C-alpha atoms as a PDB file:
ATOM      1  CA  MET A   1      15.464  -4.886  12.009  1.00  0.00           C
ATOM      2  CA  ILE A   2      16.097  -1.675  10.059  1.00  0.00           C
ATOM      3  CA  ALA A   3      17.909  -3.628   7.340  1.00  0.00           C
ATOM      4  CA  LEU A   4      14.914  -5.953   6.976  1.00  0.00           C
ATOM      5  CA  LEU A   5      12.502  -3.017   6.679  1.00  0.00           C
ATOM      6  CA  GLN A   6      14.791  -1.388   4.102  1.00  0.00           C
ATOM      7  CA  LYS A   7      14.737  -4.608   2.050  1.00  0.00           C
ATOM      8  CA  ILE A   8      10.942  -4.761   2.284  1.00  0.00           C
ATOM      9  CA  ARG A   9      10.723  -1.144   1.106  1.00  0.00           C
ATOM     10  CA  GLN A  10      13.057  -1.857  -1.815  1.00  0.00           C
ATOM     11  CA  THR A  11      10.998  -4.884  -2.854  1.00  0.00           C
ATOM     12  CA  VAL A  12       7.716  -2.970  -2.636  1.00  0.00           C
ATOM     13  CA  GLU A  13       9.110  -0.073  -4.688  1.00  0.00           C
ATOM     14  CA  GLU A  14      10.485  -2.440  -7.349  1.00  0.00           C
ATOM     15  CA  HIS A  15       7.355  -4.570  -7.748  1.00  0.00           C
ATOM     16  CA  CYS A  16       4.374  -2.360  -6.881  1.00  0.00           C
ATOM     17  CA  ASP A  17       2.837   0.870  -8.186  1.00  0.00           C
ATOM     18  CA  ASP A  18       3.021   3.999  -6.023  1.00  0.00           C
ATOM     19  CA  VAL A  19      -0.514   5.392  -6.140  1.00  0.00           C
ATOM     20  CA  GLY A  20       0.109   8.015  -3.448  1.00  0.00           C
ATOM     21  CA  ASP A  21      -2.985   9.398  -1.766  1.00  0.00           C
ATOM     22  CA  ARG A  22      -5.210   7.468  -4.205  1.00  0.00           C
ATOM     23  CA  PHE A  23      -4.372   4.253  -2.327  1.00  0.00           C
ATOM     24  CA  ALA A  24      -7.802   3.664  -0.760  1.00  0.00           C
ATOM     25  CA  ARG A  25      -9.669   4.364  -4.002  1.00  0.00           C
ATOM     26  CA  GLU A  26      -7.362   2.098  -6.028  1.00  0.00           C
ATOM     27  CA  ALA A  27      -7.604  -0.714  -3.456  1.00  0.00           C
ATOM     28  CA  LEU A  28     -11.394  -0.471  -3.419  1.00  0.00           C
ATOM     29  CA  ASP A  29     -11.579  -0.485  -7.231  1.00  0.00           C
ATOM     30  CA  MET A  30      -9.493  -3.668  -7.345  1.00  0.00           C
ATOM     31  CA  HIS A  31     -11.584  -5.248  -4.588  1.00  0.00           C
ATOM     32  CA  ARG A  32     -14.782  -4.521  -6.519  1.00  0.00           C
ATOM     33  CA  GLY A  33     -13.332  -5.773  -9.814  1.00  0.00           C
ATOM     34  CA  ARG A  34     -13.315  -2.332 -11.438  1.00  0.00           C
ATOM     35  CA  SER A  35      -9.589  -2.480 -12.123  1.00  0.00           C
ATOM     36  CA  ALA A  36      -7.029  -5.229 -12.549  1.00  0.00           C
ATOM     37  CA  ALA A  37      -5.438  -6.597  -9.396  1.00  0.00           C
ATOM     38  CA  ARG A  38      -1.850  -5.482  -8.904  1.00  0.00           C
ATOM     39  CA  GLY A  39       0.516  -4.578  -6.105  1.00  0.00           C
ATOM     40  CA  ILE A  40       0.091  -0.998  -4.941  1.00  0.00           C
ATOM     41  CA  TYR A  41       1.356   1.208  -2.149  1.00  0.00           C
ATOM     42  CA  GLY A  42       0.578   4.689  -0.952  1.00  0.00           C
ATOM     43  CA  SER A  43      -1.126   6.530   1.856  1.00  0.00           C
ATOM     44  CA  MET A  44      -4.615   6.784   3.290  1.00  0.00           C
ATOM     45  CA  THR A  45      -6.418   8.578   6.066  1.00  0.00           C
ATOM     46  CA  PRO A  46      -7.774   6.802   9.149  1.00  0.00           C
ATOM     47  CA  GLN A  47     -11.284   7.321   7.726  1.00  0.00           C
ATOM     48  CA  GLU A  48     -10.277   5.659   4.441  1.00  0.00           C
ATOM     49  CA  GLN A  49      -8.751   2.785   6.441  1.00  0.00           C
ATOM     50  CA  ALA A  50     -12.071   2.332   8.264  1.00  0.00           C
ATOM     51  CA  GLU A  51     -13.958   2.317   4.945  1.00  0.00           C
ATOM     52  CA  LEU A  52     -11.655  -0.352   3.525  1.00  0.00           C
ATOM     53  CA  ASP A  53     -12.095  -2.413   6.697  1.00  0.00           C
ATOM     54  CA  GLU A  54     -15.896  -2.159   6.376  1.00  0.00           C
ATOM     55  CA  GLU A  55     -15.696  -3.314   2.746  1.00  0.00           C
ATOM     56  CA  GLY A  56     -13.495  -6.274   3.687  1.00  0.00           C
ATOM     57  CA  VAL A  57     -10.426  -5.007   1.828  1.00  0.00           C
ATOM     58  CA  ASP A  58      -7.321  -6.563   3.387  1.00  0.00           C
ATOM     59  CA  VAL A  59      -4.490  -4.013   3.589  1.00  0.00           C
ATOM     60  CA  HIS A  60      -1.380  -3.851   5.742  1.00  0.00           C
ATOM     61  CA  ALA A  61       0.703  -0.932   6.961  1.00  0.00           C
ATOM     62  CA  ILE A  62       4.468  -1.294   6.681  1.00  0.00           C
ATOM     63  CA  PRO A  63       6.844   0.982   8.593  1.00  0.00           C
ATOM     64  CA  TRP A  64       8.401   3.135   5.852  1.00  0.00           C
ATOM     65  CA  VAL A  65      12.041   3.532   6.840  1.00  0.00           C
ATOM     66  CA  ARG A  66      14.727   5.546   5.076  1.00  0.00           C
ATOM     67  CA  ARG A  67      16.155   3.809   2.006  1.00  0.00           C
ATOM     68  CA  ALA A  68      19.415   1.936   2.462  1.00  0.00           C
ATOM     69  CA  ASP A  69      21.041   4.051  -0.280  1.00  0.00           C
ATOM     70  CA  SER A  70      20.158   7.444   1.235  1.00  0.00           C
END
């Protein structure tokens, strides 16, 4: 299971933009058509998660395990 999560992390890091704590704002901007759709990852607060849910923005949390190479 850990190996699978490490592979998912590697794939996300290779193909998506790390937007850090701007995740909710970036996701909402894409949802509203204010910015181009792209793969992103980062963090958000429970309140930001609730706001995205209310807006109908579909996001998923992935367990962020230690990298395989660390």
